[in-house]
């Protein structure tokens, strides 16, 4: 049997997920996203800007009520997570380019 031709769907998925080769925590990034790090980081930053805008609008129109603060956090926490992840992807892209 040919070793380069995976026989089971799990082997094909494992082979697909391993390309391009990555180490450590970089393995949690999907292969397509890893090949287009700057694009995906830019999309994450754009999404974070949109979520931040929604959070600020919610807070502005809702006043200082607890419900408005809770809803603004629903938008602002994922925005912060997107920015952190985008920064990580940009640092990976910068180190790979060097």
PDB file of N, CA and C in Angstrom:
ATOM      1  N   UNK A   1       0.835  -1.177   0.000  1.00  0.00           N
ATOM      2  CA  UNK A   1       0.000   0.000   0.000  1.00  0.00           C
ATOM      3  C   UNK A   1       0.882   1.244   0.000  1.00  0.00           C
ATOM      4  N   UNK A   2       0.462   2.255  -0.709  1.00  0.00           N
ATOM      5  CA  UNK A   2       1.242   3.478  -0.834  1.00  0.00           C
ATOM      6  C   UNK A   2       1.101   4.317   0.436  1.00  0.00           C
ATOM      7  N   UNK A   3       2.206   4.674   1.054  1.00  0.00           N
ATOM      8  CA  UNK A   3       2.175   5.416   2.321  1.00  0.00           C
ATOM      9  C   UNK A   3       1.765   6.871   2.128  1.00  0.00           C
ATOM     10  N   UNK A   4       1.984   7.437   0.931  1.00  0.00           N
ATOM     11  CA  UNK A   4       1.652   8.832   0.724  1.00  0.00           C
ATOM     12  C   UNK A   4       0.156   9.036   0.457  1.00  0.00           C
ATOM     13  N   UNK A   5      -0.572   7.972   0.187  1.00  0.00           N
ATOM     14  CA  UNK A   5      -2.005   8.057  -0.068  1.00  0.00           C
ATOM     15  C   UNK A   5      -2.757   7.594   1.179  1.00  0.00           C
ATOM     16  N   UNK A   6      -3.289   8.525   1.974  1.00  0.00           N
ATOM     17  CA  UNK A   6      -3.979   8.121   3.200  1.00  0.00           C
ATOM     18  C   UNK A   6      -5.245   7.336   2.879  1.00  0.00           C
ATOM     19  N   UNK A   7      -5.504   6.311   3.685  1.00  0.00           N
ATOM     20  CA  UNK A   7      -6.606   5.418   3.383  1.00  0.00           C
ATOM     21  C   UNK A   7      -7.896   5.798   4.098  1.00  0.00           C
ATOM     22  N   UNK A   8      -7.810   6.431   5.238  1.00  0.00           N
ATOM     23  CA  UNK A   8      -9.020   6.756   5.994  1.00  0.00           C
ATOM     24  C   UNK A   8      -9.268   8.262   5.958  1.00  0.00           C
ATOM     25  N   UNK A   9     -10.513   8.662   6.156  1.00  0.00           N
ATOM     26  CA  UNK A   9     -10.806  10.108   6.186  1.00  0.00           C
ATOM     27  C   UNK A   9     -10.047  10.836   7.302  1.00  0.00           C
ATOM     28  N   UNK A  10      -9.821  10.167   8.427  1.00  0.00           N
ATOM     29  CA  UNK A  10      -9.074  10.794   9.514  1.00  0.00           C
ATOM     30  C   UNK A  10      -7.637  11.082   9.093  1.00  0.00           C
ATOM     31  N   UNK A  11      -7.032  10.168   8.333  1.00  0.00           N
ATOM     32  CA  UNK A  11      -5.663  10.399   7.866  1.00  0.00           C
ATOM     33  C   UNK A  11      -5.605  11.559   6.879  1.00  0.00           C
ATOM     34  N   UNK A  12      -6.615  11.648   5.995  1.00  0.00           N
ATOM     35  CA  UNK A  12      -6.642  12.759   5.043  1.00  0.00           C
ATOM     36  C   UNK A  12      -6.809  14.092   5.769  1.00  0.00           C
ATOM     37  N   UNK A  13      -7.690  14.110   6.783  1.00  0.00           N
ATOM     38  CA  UNK A  13      -7.893  15.335   7.556  1.00  0.00           C
ATOM     39  C   UNK A  13      -6.626  15.711   8.301  1.00  0.00           C
ATOM     40  N   UNK A  14      -5.958  14.737   8.895  1.00  0.00           N
ATOM     41  CA  UNK A  14      -4.717  15.005   9.631  1.00  0.00           C
ATOM     42  C   UNK A  14      -3.647  15.546   8.694  1.00  0.00           C
ATOM     43  N   UNK A  15      -3.569  14.985   7.488  1.00  0.00           N
ATOM     44  CA  UNK A  15      -2.576  15.447   6.517  1.00  0.00           C
ATOM     45  C   UNK A  15      -2.908  16.865   6.053  1.00  0.00           C
ATOM     46  N   UNK A  16      -4.202  17.153   5.813  1.00  0.00           N
ATOM     47  CA  UNK A  16      -4.612  18.489   5.393  1.00  0.00           C
ATOM     48  C   UNK A  16      -4.336  19.510   6.487  1.00  0.00           C
ATOM     49  N   UNK A  17      -4.625  19.154   7.729  1.00  0.00           N
ATOM     50  CA  UNK A  17      -4.455  20.081   8.838  1.00  0.00           C
ATOM     51  C   UNK A  17      -2.976  20.345   9.116  1.00  0.00           C
ATOM     52  N   UNK A  18      -2.102  19.424   8.760  1.00  0.00           N
ATOM     53  CA  UNK A  18      -0.671  19.583   9.021  1.00  0.00           C
ATOM     54  C   UNK A  18       0.029  20.429   7.964  1.00  0.00           C
ATOM     55  N   UNK A  19      -0.660  20.773   6.871  1.00  0.00           N
ATOM     56  CA  UNK A  19      -0.001  21.580   5.857  1.00  0.00           C
ATOM     57  C   UNK A  19      -0.523  23.010   5.908  1.00  0.00           C
ATOM     58  N   UNK A  20       0.249  24.019   5.909  1.00  0.00           N
ATOM     59  CA  UNK A  20       1.695  24.029   6.022  1.00  0.00           C
ATOM     60  C   UNK A  20       2.147  23.645   7.421  1.00  0.00           C
ATOM     61  N   UNK A  21       3.368  23.149   7.557  1.00  0.00           N
ATOM     62  CA  UNK A  21       3.822  22.707   8.878  1.00  0.00           C
ATOM     63  C   UNK A  21       3.903  23.866   9.867  1.00  0.00           C
ATOM     64  N   UNK A  22       3.317  23.649  11.061  1.00  0.00           N
ATOM     65  CA  UNK A  22       3.301  24.669  12.105  1.00  0.00           C
ATOM     66  C   UNK A  22       3.694  24.015  13.420  1.00  0.00           C
ATOM     67  N   UNK A  23       4.122  24.832  14.362  1.00  0.00           N
ATOM     68  CA  UNK A  23       4.522  24.301  15.655  1.00  0.00           C
ATOM     69  C   UNK A  23       3.719  24.946  16.768  1.00  0.00           C
ATOM     70  N   UNK A  24       3.626  24.264  17.875  1.00  0.00           N
ATOM     71  CA  UNK A  24       3.031  24.817  19.089  1.00  0.00           C
ATOM     72  C   UNK A  24       1.601  25.277  18.926  1.00  0.00           C
ATOM     73  N   UNK A  25       1.318  26.452  19.489  1.00  0.00           N
ATOM     74  CA  UNK A  25      -0.032  26.998  19.462  1.00  0.00           C
ATOM     75  C   UNK A  25      -0.488  27.411  18.070  1.00  0.00           C
ATOM     76  N   UNK A  26       0.434  27.523  17.138  1.00  0.00           N
ATOM     77  CA  UNK A  26       0.065  27.905  15.777  1.00  0.00           C
ATOM     78  C   UNK A  26      -0.802  26.838  15.122  1.00  0.00           C
ATOM     79  N   UNK A  27      -0.836  25.641  15.695  1.00  0.00           N
ATOM     80  CA  UNK A  27      -1.653  24.564  15.135  1.00  0.00           C
ATOM     81  C   UNK A  27      -3.143  24.811  15.314  1.00  0.00           C
ATOM     82  N   UNK A  28      -3.541  25.724  16.207  1.00  0.00           N
ATOM     83  CA  UNK A  28      -4.968  25.978  16.367  1.00  0.00           C
ATOM     84  C   UNK A  28      -5.510  26.880  15.268  1.00  0.00           C
ATOM     85  N   UNK A  29      -4.630  27.493  14.484  1.00  0.00           N
ATOM     86  CA  UNK A  29      -5.045  28.319  13.350  1.00  0.00           C
ATOM     87  C   UNK A  29      -5.291  27.389  12.166  1.00  0.00           C
ATOM     88  N   UNK A  30      -6.429  27.562  11.501  1.00  0.00           N
ATOM     89  CA  UNK A  30      -6.738  26.696  10.359  1.00  0.00           C
ATOM     90  C   UNK A  30      -5.707  26.908   9.246  1.00  0.00           C
ATOM     91  N   UNK A  31      -5.470  25.885   8.417  1.00  0.00           N
ATOM     92  CA  UNK A  31      -4.447  26.005   7.380  1.00  0.00           C
ATOM     93  C   UNK A  31      -4.694  27.158   6.409  1.00  0.00           C
ATOM     94  N   UNK A  32      -5.955  27.357   5.981  1.00  0.00           N
ATOM     95  CA  UNK A  32      -6.225  28.454   5.060  1.00  0.00           C
ATOM     96  C   UNK A  32      -5.896  29.787   5.723  1.00  0.00           C
ATOM     97  N   UNK A  33      -6.301  29.933   6.970  1.00  0.00           N
ATOM     98  CA  UNK A  33      -6.052  31.183   7.681  1.00  0.00           C
ATOM     99  C   UNK A  33      -4.556  31.378   7.916  1.00  0.00           C
ATOM    100  N   UNK A  34      -3.830  30.294   8.151  1.00  0.00           N
ATOM    101  CA  UNK A  34      -2.384  30.391   8.364  1.00  0.00           C
ATOM    102  C   UNK A  34      -1.675  30.839   7.088  1.00  0.00           C
ATOM    103  N   UNK A  35      -2.178  30.408   5.946  1.00  0.00           N
ATOM    104  CA  UNK A  35      -1.567  30.825   4.678  1.00  0.00           C
ATOM    105  C   UNK A  35      -1.885  32.266   4.329  1.00  0.00           C
ATOM    106  N   UNK A  36      -2.954  32.834   4.911  1.00  0.00           N
ATOM    107  CA  UNK A  36      -3.373  34.210   4.649  1.00  0.00           C
ATOM    108  C   UNK A  36      -3.470  34.984   5.965  1.00  0.00           C
ATOM    109  N   UNK A  37      -2.394  35.018   6.711  1.00  0.00           N
ATOM    110  CA  UNK A  37      -2.418  35.609   8.053  1.00  0.00           C
ATOM    111  C   UNK A  37      -2.760  37.088   8.043  1.00  0.00           C
ATOM    112  N   UNK A  38      -2.177  37.842   7.151  1.00  0.00           N
ATOM    113  CA  UNK A  38      -2.433  39.289   7.144  1.00  0.00           C
ATOM    114  C   UNK A  38      -3.878  39.601   6.755  1.00  0.00           C
ATOM    115  N   UNK A  39      -4.426  38.854   5.821  1.00  0.00           N
ATOM    116  CA  UNK A  39      -5.823  39.058   5.430  1.00  0.00           C
ATOM    117  C   UNK A  39      -6.760  38.725   6.587  1.00  0.00           C
ATOM    118  N   UNK A  40      -6.546  37.591   7.220  1.00  0.00           N
ATOM    119  CA  UNK A  40      -7.438  37.207   8.313  1.00  0.00           C
ATOM    120  C   UNK A  40      -7.285  38.149   9.513  1.00  0.00           C
ATOM    121  N   UNK A  41      -6.072  38.639   9.750  1.00  0.00           N
ATOM    122  CA  UNK A  41      -5.882  39.609  10.835  1.00  0.00           C
ATOM    123  C   UNK A  41      -6.598  40.913  10.505  1.00  0.00           C
ATOM    124  N   UNK A  42      -6.552  41.328   9.258  1.00  0.00           N
ATOM    125  CA  UNK A  42      -7.262  42.538   8.848  1.00  0.00           C
ATOM    126  C   UNK A  42      -8.770  42.390   8.992  1.00  0.00           C
ATOM    127  N   UNK A  43      -9.287  41.214   8.644  1.00  0.00           N
ATOM    128  CA  UNK A  43     -10.715  40.967   8.809  1.00  0.00           C
ATOM    129  C   UNK A  43     -11.103  40.947  10.285  1.00  0.00           C
ATOM    130  N   UNK A  44     -10.238  40.396  11.120  1.00  0.00           N
ATOM    131  CA  UNK A  44     -10.508  40.399  12.567  1.00  0.00           C
ATOM    132  C   UNK A  44     -10.498  41.828  13.122  1.00  0.00           C
ATOM    133  N   UNK A  45      -9.581  42.645  12.655  1.00  0.00           N
ATOM    134  CA  UNK A  45      -9.532  44.037  13.114  1.00  0.00           C
ATOM    135  C   UNK A  45     -10.777  44.787  12.654  1.00  0.00           C
ATOM    136  N   UNK A  46     -11.217  44.545  11.420  1.00  0.00           N
ATOM    137  CA  UNK A  46     -12.449  45.159  10.936  1.00  0.00           C
ATOM    138  C   UNK A  46     -13.661  44.734  11.755  1.00  0.00           C
ATOM    139  N   UNK A  47     -13.730  43.455  12.082  1.00  0.00           N
ATOM    140  CA  UNK A  47     -14.813  42.971  12.936  1.00  0.00           C
ATOM    141  C   UNK A  47     -14.755  43.568  14.327  1.00  0.00           C
ATOM    142  N   UNK A  48     -13.556  43.745  14.850  1.00  0.00           N
ATOM    143  CA  UNK A  48     -13.405  44.350  16.178  1.00  0.00           C
ATOM    144  C   UNK A  48     -13.855  45.809  16.168  1.00  0.00           C
ATOM    145  N   UNK A  49     -13.569  46.512  15.090  1.00  0.00           N
ATOM    146  CA  UNK A  49     -14.019  47.905  14.982  1.00  0.00           C
ATOM    147  C   UNK A  49     -15.545  47.964  14.942  1.00  0.00           C
ATOM    148  N   UNK A  50     -16.159  47.055  14.167  1.00  0.00           N
ATOM    149  CA  UNK A  50     -17.626  47.019  14.095  1.00  0.00           C
ATOM    150  C   UNK A  50     -18.237  46.681  15.457  1.00  0.00           C
ATOM    151  N   UNK A  51     -17.675  45.697  16.152  1.00  0.00           N
ATOM    152  CA  UNK A  51     -18.190  45.319  17.468  1.00  0.00           C
ATOM    153  C   UNK A  51     -17.995  46.435  18.491  1.00  0.00           C
ATOM    154  N   UNK A  52     -16.873  47.127  18.424  1.00  0.00           N
ATOM    155  CA  UNK A  52     -16.636  48.242  19.335  1.00  0.00           C
ATOM    156  C   UNK A  52     -17.638  49.364  19.074  1.00  0.00           C
ATOM    157  N   UNK A  53     -17.911  49.633  17.809  1.00  0.00           N
ATOM    158  CA  UNK A  53     -18.901  50.654  17.466  1.00  0.00           C
ATOM    159  C   UNK A  53     -20.270  50.279  18.032  1.00  0.00           C
ATOM    160  N   UNK A  54     -20.657  49.023  17.881  1.00  0.00           N
ATOM    161  CA  UNK A  54     -21.942  48.581  18.427  1.00  0.00           C
ATOM    162  C   UNK A  54     -21.972  48.691  19.945  1.00  0.00           C
ATOM    163  N   UNK A  55     -20.868  48.359  20.591  1.00  0.00           N
ATOM    164  CA  UNK A  55     -20.806  48.469  22.050  1.00  0.00           C
ATOM    165  C   UNK A  55     -20.913  49.900  22.531  1.00  0.00           C
ATOM    166  N   UNK A  56     -20.245  50.811  21.848  1.00  0.00           N
ATOM    167  CA  UNK A  56     -20.293  52.222  22.235  1.00  0.00           C
ATOM    168  C   UNK A  56     -21.677  52.802  21.979  1.00  0.00           C
ATOM    169  N   UNK A  57     -22.286  52.440  20.853  1.00  0.00           N
ATOM    170  CA  UNK A  57     -23.648  52.915  20.570  1.00  0.00           C
ATOM    171  C   UNK A  57     -24.623  52.384  21.614  1.00  0.00           C
ATOM    172  N   UNK A  58     -24.492  51.112  21.959  1.00  0.00           N
ATOM    173  CA  UNK A  58     -25.365  50.524  22.979  1.00  0.00           C
ATOM    174  C   UNK A  58     -25.195  51.234  24.306  1.00  0.00           C
ATOM    175  N   UNK A  59     -23.980  51.509  24.669  1.00  0.00           N
ATOM    176  CA  UNK A  59     -23.721  52.198  25.930  1.00  0.00           C
ATOM    177  C   UNK A  59     -24.212  53.644  25.875  1.00  0.00           C
ATOM    178  N   UNK A  60     -24.062  54.289  24.735  1.00  0.00           N
ATOM    179  CA  UNK A  60     -24.482  55.679  24.603  1.00  0.00           C
ATOM    180  C   UNK A  60     -25.991  55.847  24.668  1.00  0.00           C
ATOM    181  N   UNK A  61     -26.714  54.983  23.969  1.00  0.00           N
ATOM    182  CA  UNK A  61     -28.172  55.114  23.961  1.00  0.00           C
ATOM    183  C   UNK A  61     -28.825  54.469  25.179  1.00  0.00           C
ATOM    184  N   UNK A  62     -28.151  53.525  25.806  1.00  0.00           N
ATOM    185  CA  UNK A  62     -28.732  52.852  26.956  1.00  0.00           C
ATOM    186  C   UNK A  62     -28.467  53.546  28.267  1.00  0.00           C
ATOM    187  N   UNK A  63     -27.587  54.520  28.253  1.00  0.00           N
ATOM    188  CA  UNK A  63     -27.244  55.217  29.490  1.00  0.00           C
ATOM    189  C   UNK A  63     -26.362  54.345  30.364  1.00  0.00           C
ATOM    190  N   UNK A  64     -26.407  54.612  31.639  1.00  0.00           N
ATOM    191  CA  UNK A  64     -25.557  53.873  32.564  1.00  0.00           C
ATOM    192  C   UNK A  64     -26.257  52.716  33.245  1.00  0.00           C
ATOM    193  N   UNK A  65     -27.371  52.255  32.659  1.00  0.00           N
ATOM    194  CA  UNK A  65     -28.105  51.163  33.294  1.00  0.00           C
ATOM    195  C   UNK A  65     -27.307  49.876  33.221  1.00  0.00           C
ATOM    196  N   UNK A  66     -27.614  48.980  34.128  1.00  0.00           N
ATOM    197  CA  UNK A  66     -26.907  47.703  34.161  1.00  0.00           C
ATOM    198  C   UNK A  66     -27.153  46.865  32.930  1.00  0.00           C
ATOM    199  N   UNK A  67     -28.353  46.949  32.388  1.00  0.00           N
ATOM    200  CA  UNK A  67     -28.685  46.189  31.194  1.00  0.00           C
ATOM    201  C   UNK A  67     -27.884  46.687  29.990  1.00  0.00           C
ATOM    202  N   UNK A  68     -27.733  47.996  29.866  1.00  0.00           N
ATOM    203  CA  UNK A  68     -26.966  48.560  28.754  1.00  0.00           C
ATOM    204  C   UNK A  68     -25.491  48.207  28.878  1.00  0.00           C
ATOM    205  N   UNK A  69     -24.986  48.222  30.105  1.00  0.00           N
ATOM    206  CA  UNK A  69     -23.582  47.861  30.314  1.00  0.00           C
ATOM    207  C   UNK A  69     -23.362  46.388  29.977  1.00  0.00           C
ATOM    208  N   UNK A  70     -24.305  45.533  30.374  1.00  0.00           N
ATOM    209  CA  UNK A  70     -24.181  44.106  30.070  1.00  0.00           C
ATOM    210  C   UNK A  70     -24.203  43.863  28.565  1.00  0.00           C
ATOM    211  N   UNK A  71     -25.119  44.541  27.845  1.00  0.00           N
ATOM    212  CA  UNK A  71     -25.175  44.371  26.398  1.00  0.00           C
ATOM    213  C   UNK A  71     -23.946  44.952  25.711  1.00  0.00           C
ATOM    214  N   UNK A  72     -23.413  46.029  26.225  1.00  0.00           N
ATOM    215  CA  UNK A  72     -22.201  46.567  25.609  1.00  0.00           C
ATOM    216  C   UNK A  72     -21.023  45.626  25.816  1.00  0.00           C
ATOM    217  N   UNK A  73     -20.991  44.939  26.964  1.00  0.00           N
ATOM    218  CA  UNK A  73     -19.935  43.947  27.179  1.00  0.00           C
ATOM    219  C   UNK A  73     -20.063  42.762  26.232  1.00  0.00           C
ATOM    220  N   UNK A  74     -21.299  42.443  25.841  1.00  0.00           N
ATOM    221  CA  UNK A  74     -21.508  41.373  24.862  1.00  0.00           C
ATOM    222  C   UNK A  74     -20.805  41.715  23.550  1.00  0.00           C
ATOM    223  N   UNK A  75     -20.729  42.997  23.225  1.00  0.00           N
ATOM    224  CA  UNK A  75     -20.036  43.420  22.005  1.00  0.00           C
ATOM    225  C   UNK A  75     -18.551  43.689  22.239  1.00  0.00           C
ATOM    226  N   UNK A  76     -18.209  44.268  23.383  1.00  0.00           N
ATOM    227  CA  UNK A  76     -16.838  44.710  23.595  1.00  0.00           C
ATOM    228  C   UNK A  76     -15.873  43.571  23.926  1.00  0.00           C
ATOM    229  N   UNK A  77     -16.317  42.545  24.610  1.00  0.00           N
ATOM    230  CA  UNK A  77     -15.414  41.436  24.939  1.00  0.00           C
ATOM    231  C   UNK A  77     -14.977  40.650  23.699  1.00  0.00           C
ATOM    232  N   UNK A  78     -15.902  40.287  22.786  1.00  0.00           N
ATOM    233  CA  UNK A  78     -15.422  39.651  21.549  1.00  0.00           C
ATOM    234  C   UNK A  78     -14.552  40.576  20.694  1.00  0.00           C
ATOM    235  N   UNK A  79     -14.813  41.886  20.759  1.00  0.00           N
ATOM    236  CA  UNK A  79     -13.968  42.830  20.019  1.00  0.00           C
ATOM    237  C   UNK A  79     -12.539  42.790  20.553  1.00  0.00           C
ATOM    238  N   UNK A  80     -12.416  42.751  21.877  1.00  0.00           N
ATOM    239  CA  UNK A  80     -11.088  42.678  22.470  1.00  0.00           C
ATOM    240  C   UNK A  80     -10.397  41.364  22.111  1.00  0.00           C
ATOM    241  N   UNK A  81     -11.154  40.262  22.128  1.00  0.00           N
ATOM    242  CA  UNK A  81     -10.580  38.965  21.762  1.00  0.00           C
ATOM    243  C   UNK A  81     -10.124  38.964  20.305  1.00  0.00           C
ATOM    244  N   UNK A  82     -10.910  39.579  19.423  1.00  0.00           N
ATOM    245  CA  UNK A  82     -10.513  39.675  18.022  1.00  0.00           C
ATOM    246  C   UNK A  82      -9.233  40.474  17.855  1.00  0.00           C
ATOM    247  N   UNK A  83      -9.106  41.571  18.584  1.00  0.00           N
ATOM    248  CA  UNK A  83      -7.890  42.378  18.489  1.00  0.00           C
ATOM    249  C   UNK A  83      -6.665  41.629  19.000  1.00  0.00           C
ATOM    250  N   UNK A  84      -6.822  40.908  20.091  1.00  0.00           N
ATOM    251  CA  UNK A  84      -5.698  40.138  20.637  1.00  0.00           C
ATOM    252  C   UNK A  84      -5.270  39.052  19.655  1.00  0.00           C
ATOM    253  N   UNK A  85      -6.252  38.332  19.089  1.00  0.00           N
ATOM    254  CA  UNK A  85      -5.931  37.269  18.145  1.00  0.00           C
ATOM    255  C   UNK A  85      -5.313  37.837  16.869  1.00  0.00           C
ATOM    256  N   UNK A  86      -5.811  38.983  16.401  1.00  0.00           N
ATOM    257  CA  UNK A  86      -5.246  39.609  15.209  1.00  0.00           C
ATOM    258  C   UNK A  86      -3.807  40.042  15.452  1.00  0.00           C
ATOM    259  N   UNK A  87      -3.539  40.566  16.630  1.00  0.00           N
ATOM    260  CA  UNK A  87      -2.166  40.955  16.973  1.00  0.00           C
ATOM    261  C   UNK A  87      -1.239  39.746  16.974  1.00  0.00           C
ATOM    262  N   UNK A  88      -1.737  38.629  17.494  1.00  0.00           N
ATOM    263  CA  UNK A  88      -0.951  37.394  17.510  1.00  0.00           C
ATOM    264  C   UNK A  88      -0.675  36.926  16.081  1.00  0.00           C
ATOM    265  N   UNK A  89      -1.703  36.964  15.219  1.00  0.00           N
ATOM    266  CA  UNK A  89      -1.497  36.553  13.829  1.00  0.00           C
ATOM    267  C   UNK A  89      -0.512  37.472  13.115  1.00  0.00           C
ATOM    268  N   UNK A  90      -0.590  38.767  13.370  1.00  0.00           N
ATOM    269  CA  UNK A  90       0.357  39.678  12.741  1.00  0.00           C
ATOM    270  C   UNK A  90       1.780  39.455  13.237  1.00  0.00           C
ATOM    271  N   UNK A  91       1.931  39.086  14.499  1.00  0.00           N
ATOM    272  CA  UNK A  91       3.283  38.796  14.996  1.00  0.00           C
ATOM    273  C   UNK A  91       3.828  37.521  14.367  1.00  0.00           C
ATOM    274  N   UNK A  92       2.971  36.540  14.119  1.00  0.00           N
ATOM    275  CA  UNK A  92       3.404  35.314  13.444  1.00  0.00           C
ATOM    276  C   UNK A  92       3.800  35.651  12.012  1.00  0.00           C
ATOM    277  N   UNK A  93       2.993  36.464  11.332  1.00  0.00           N
ATOM    278  CA  UNK A  93       3.286  36.838   9.950  1.00  0.00           C
ATOM    279  C   UNK A  93       4.586  37.629   9.873  1.00  0.00           C
ATOM    280  N   UNK A  94       4.829  38.497  10.842  1.00  0.00           N
ATOM    281  CA  UNK A  94       6.063  39.280  10.851  1.00  0.00           C
ATOM    282  C   UNK A  94       7.292  38.433  11.091  1.00  0.00           C
ATOM    283  N   UNK A  95       7.178  37.444  11.960  1.00  0.00           N
ATOM    284  CA  UNK A  95       8.330  36.580  12.238  1.00  0.00           C
ATOM    285  C   UNK A  95       8.574  35.608  11.085  1.00  0.00           C
ATOM    286  N   UNK A  96       7.535  35.221  10.366  1.00  0.00           N
ATOM    287  CA  UNK A  96       7.711  34.320   9.226  1.00  0.00           C
ATOM    288  C   UNK A  96       8.330  35.059   8.046  1.00  0.00           C
ATOM    289  N   UNK A  97       8.039  36.358   7.921  1.00  0.00           N
ATOM    290  CA  UNK A  97       8.597  37.131   6.805  1.00  0.00           C
ATOM    291  C   UNK A  97      10.079  37.396   7.005  1.00  0.00           C
ATOM    292  N   UNK A  98      10.520  37.445   8.243  1.00  0.00           N
ATOM    293  CA  UNK A  98      11.935  37.713   8.514  1.00  0.00           C
ATOM    294  C   UNK A  98      12.746  36.486   8.277  1.00  0.00           C
TER     295      UNK A  98
END
